[in-house]
Amino acid sequence: MPELSLYLADEDEKEFVSFVLNQGAWLIADTEYDSPRVERIYALERFSDSRRSSAHFFIQADSFDKLPAEFRPIHKKGKTLYYLSSRSGGPFISFFSTGTFVEERRLFVGTGSLSYYPSFWDPRNRIFEKTPSSLKDFYKLFVKHLKKKCLKIKPYPRFDQCYWLGKRAEELFKGGAQLVGVPQGFRLTG
């Protein structure tokens, strides 16, 4: 599964989401719904409102919106709630970001990612379909944008995994914020 690992502060998230929306794409919050109906996010203000209850969003655009979203009904406290299925219908690009938060009077920048599955479930024909090239093209465009705006870091030199640190996240880190999951002694080089 292609995936870009991220550290984005709230301002970095908003900049990225603005870029996504300006490309003609939209977002869908990965949250509970009262009915099995997608609520598309076309505006940054709506993203900010949805961000209070969800750190995970699905990105879609007309060029790769192949199938209706599939919802899973979950019964909770005598009520039926609906959750979007990430691999059934769509397909989707997954955007996850926890932004910044304070815990025990310390500022943290949480991890995130941008990814997609190489296939998605077509419930009508009951088969897995390959992810369309148009989705891959959008993903590549988003990755290129993020890499241009972010600093590449490797907090674990013995491992190949790298992360992309947003500009505001970098400023916060330099000011004493902790990157979630990164060892305390880690320093930016260069």
Protein backbone atom coordinates (compact mmCIF):
# COMPACT_ATOMS: atom_id res chain seq x y z
CA MET A 1 0.00 0.00 0.00
CA PRO A 2 1.60 3.30 -1.02
CA GLU A 3 1.89 5.49 2.05
CA LEU A 4 3.54 8.79 2.97
CA SER A 5 4.16 9.22 6.72
CA LEU A 6 3.57 12.73 8.01
CA TYR A 7 3.89 15.12 10.93
CA LEU A 8 1.55 18.02 10.26
CA ALA A 9 0.59 20.83 12.62
CA ASP A 10 -2.95 22.19 12.34
CA GLU A 11 -1.82 24.95 9.95
CA ASP A 12 -0.02 22.38 7.76
CA GLU A 13 -3.20 20.28 7.59
CA LYS A 14 -5.26 23.27 6.49
CA GLU A 15 -2.73 24.20 3.81
CA PHE A 16 -2.79 20.64 2.46
CA VAL A 17 -6.60 20.39 2.55
CA SER A 18 -6.85 23.73 0.71
CA PHE A 19 -4.57 22.29 -1.97
CA VAL A 20 -6.72 19.13 -2.21
CA LEU A 21 -9.92 21.15 -2.55
CA ASN A 22 -8.34 23.46 -5.15
CA GLN A 23 -7.64 20.38 -7.31
CA GLY A 24 -11.39 19.69 -7.53
CA ALA A 25 -11.35 16.89 -4.98
CA TRP A 26 -13.44 16.66 -1.82
CA LEU A 27 -13.13 15.01 1.58
CA ILE A 28 -15.40 12.74 3.57
CA ALA A 29 -14.95 12.50 7.34
CA ASP A 30 -14.41 9.00 8.71
CA THR A 31 -16.91 9.38 11.53
CA GLU A 32 -20.25 8.01 12.61
CA TYR A 33 -23.29 9.02 10.59
CA ASP A 34 -26.97 8.95 11.53
CA SER A 35 -27.87 7.69 8.06
CA PRO A 36 -25.98 5.88 5.29
CA ARG A 37 -25.44 9.10 3.32
CA VAL A 38 -22.08 10.64 2.40
CA GLU A 39 -21.47 14.20 3.50
CA ARG A 40 -18.90 15.67 1.14
CA ILE A 41 -16.59 18.42 2.35
CA TYR A 42 -15.91 21.09 -0.25
CA ALA A 43 -14.79 23.97 2.00
CA LEU A 44 -11.94 24.47 4.45
CA GLU A 45 -14.33 25.73 7.15
CA ARG A 46 -16.35 22.52 6.90
CA PHE A 47 -13.11 20.51 7.18
CA SER A 48 -12.18 22.46 10.33
CA ASP A 49 -15.60 21.68 11.83
CA SER A 50 -15.31 17.97 10.95
CA ARG A 51 -11.72 17.86 12.20
CA ARG A 52 -12.99 18.28 15.78
CA SER A 53 -14.52 14.80 15.68
CA SER A 54 -12.32 12.98 13.16
CA ALA A 55 -8.61 12.68 12.39
CA HIS A 56 -9.21 10.46 9.37
CA PHE A 57 -10.67 11.59 6.05
CA PHE A 58 -11.28 10.01 2.68
CA ILE A 59 -10.37 12.00 -0.43
CA GLN A 60 -12.30 11.57 -3.67
CA ALA A 61 -12.60 13.28 -7.04
CA ASP A 62 -14.90 12.86 -10.02
CA SER A 63 -12.19 11.11 -12.04
CA PHE A 64 -12.01 8.17 -9.61
CA ASP A 65 -15.43 8.20 -7.96
CA LYS A 66 -16.41 4.82 -9.44
CA LEU A 67 -18.87 3.34 -6.93
CA PRO A 68 -21.19 4.63 -4.21
CA ALA A 69 -19.69 4.61 -0.73
CA GLU A 70 -20.58 1.55 1.34
CA PHE A 71 -21.67 1.97 4.95
CA ARG A 72 -21.54 -0.52 7.81
CA PRO A 73 -24.42 -0.27 10.30
CA ILE A 74 -23.34 -0.51 13.94
CA HIS A 75 -25.85 -0.74 16.79
CA LYS A 76 -24.81 1.37 19.80
CA LYS A 77 -26.87 2.22 22.84
CA GLY A 78 -30.14 1.34 21.13
CA LYS A 79 -29.35 3.40 18.05
CA THR A 80 -28.07 2.46 14.59
CA LEU A 81 -25.05 4.43 13.43
CA TYR A 82 -23.28 4.13 10.10
CA TYR A 83 -19.58 4.03 9.31
CA LEU A 84 -17.97 4.34 5.89
CA SER A 85 -16.16 1.25 4.69
CA SER A 86 -12.66 2.25 3.57
CA ARG A 87 -12.24 -0.49 0.95
CA SER A 88 -15.76 -1.02 -0.32
CA GLY A 89 -17.04 1.40 -2.94
CA GLY A 90 -15.17 4.50 -3.88
CA PRO A 91 -12.20 4.11 -4.14
CA PHE A 92 -10.60 6.63 -1.79
CA ILE A 93 -7.29 8.21 -0.86
CA SER A 94 -6.87 8.04 2.90
CA PHE A 95 -5.69 11.14 4.79
CA PHE A 96 -4.96 10.74 8.50
CA SER A 97 -3.56 13.49 10.70
CA THR A 98 -3.81 14.11 14.41
CA GLY A 99 -2.39 17.63 14.21
CA THR A 100 -1.22 19.27 17.41
CA PHE A 101 -2.44 18.64 20.93
CA VAL A 102 -1.48 19.38 24.51
CA GLU A 103 -1.02 16.63 27.07
CA GLU A 104 0.26 17.21 30.60
CA ARG A 105 1.10 20.84 29.66
CA ARG A 106 3.33 19.69 26.80
CA LEU A 107 2.72 20.38 23.10
CA PHE A 108 2.79 17.40 20.73
CA VAL A 109 2.61 17.03 16.96
CA GLY A 110 0.91 13.76 16.11
CA THR A 111 1.64 11.40 13.25
CA GLY A 112 -0.36 11.07 10.10
CA SER A 113 -0.33 9.54 6.66
CA LEU A 114 -1.54 9.77 3.10
CA SER A 115 -2.21 6.41 1.45
CA TYR A 116 -4.42 4.31 -0.78
CA TYR A 117 -5.18 0.62 -1.24
CA PRO A 118 -4.08 -1.05 -4.50
CA SER A 119 -7.60 -2.46 -4.89
CA PHE A 120 -11.14 -1.80 -3.71
CA TRP A 121 -14.22 -3.96 -3.30
CA ASP A 122 -17.01 -3.71 -5.87
CA PRO A 123 -20.05 -4.92 -3.91
CA ARG A 124 -22.27 -5.11 -7.01
CA ASN A 125 -20.00 -7.51 -8.89
CA ARG A 126 -18.51 -9.01 -5.71
CA ILE A 127 -14.89 -8.63 -6.85
CA PHE A 128 -11.85 -6.57 -5.99
CA GLU A 129 -11.08 -3.97 -8.67
CA LYS A 130 -7.67 -2.42 -9.27
CA THR A 131 -7.33 1.15 -8.10
CA PRO A 132 -7.77 3.42 -11.15
CA SER A 133 -4.78 5.31 -12.54
CA SER A 134 -6.67 8.59 -12.04
CA LEU A 135 -6.59 8.01 -8.25
CA LYS A 136 -2.88 7.19 -8.44
CA ASP A 137 -2.30 10.41 -10.40
CA PHE A 138 -4.07 12.46 -7.71
CA TYR A 139 -2.06 10.67 -5.02
CA LYS A 140 1.20 11.44 -6.82
CA LEU A 141 0.17 15.09 -7.15
CA PHE A 142 -0.60 15.28 -3.41
CA VAL A 143 2.68 13.54 -2.49
CA LYS A 144 4.66 15.91 -4.71
CA HIS A 145 2.95 18.88 -3.06
CA LEU A 146 3.64 17.61 0.46
CA LYS A 147 7.27 16.76 -0.26
CA LYS A 148 7.77 20.26 -1.65
CA LYS A 149 6.27 21.81 1.49
CA CYS A 150 7.78 19.48 4.09
CA LEU A 151 11.17 18.48 5.47
CA LYS A 152 12.22 14.83 5.17
CA ILE A 153 13.31 13.34 8.50
CA LYS A 154 14.58 9.90 9.54
CA PRO A 155 14.22 9.67 13.32
CA TYR A 156 15.34 6.02 13.29
CA PRO A 157 18.58 5.86 11.22
CA ARG A 158 18.70 2.05 11.29
CA PHE A 159 15.31 1.82 9.58
CA ASP A 160 14.36 2.93 6.07
CA GLN A 161 11.18 4.72 7.07
CA CYS A 162 11.18 8.46 6.71
CA TYR A 163 8.59 11.05 7.71
CA TRP A 164 7.68 14.37 6.18
CA LEU A 165 7.57 17.23 8.67
CA GLY A 166 5.30 20.18 7.80
CA LYS A 167 6.69 23.74 7.99
CA ARG A 168 4.63 24.71 11.03
CA ALA A 169 5.31 21.34 12.67
CA GLU A 170 9.02 21.99 12.14
CA GLU A 171 8.74 25.42 13.80
CA LEU A 172 6.88 23.91 16.74
CA PHE A 173 9.45 21.11 17.08
CA LYS A 174 12.29 23.66 17.08
CA GLY A 175 10.36 25.53 19.78
CA GLY A 176 10.18 22.47 22.04
CA ALA A 177 7.12 20.51 20.86
CA GLN A 178 7.50 16.71 20.85
CA LEU A 179 6.86 14.61 17.74
CA VAL A 180 4.75 11.62 18.81
CA GLY A 181 6.73 8.40 18.63
CA VAL A 182 10.10 10.08 18.02
CA PRO A 183 12.85 9.50 20.58
CA GLN A 184 13.42 12.41 22.98
CA GLY A 185 17.00 13.09 21.83
CA PHE A 186 16.16 13.39 18.12
CA ARG A 187 17.51 16.58 16.48
CA LEU A 188 16.97 18.03 13.04
CA THR A 189 20.14 18.20 10.97
CA GLY A 190 21.08 20.66 8.29
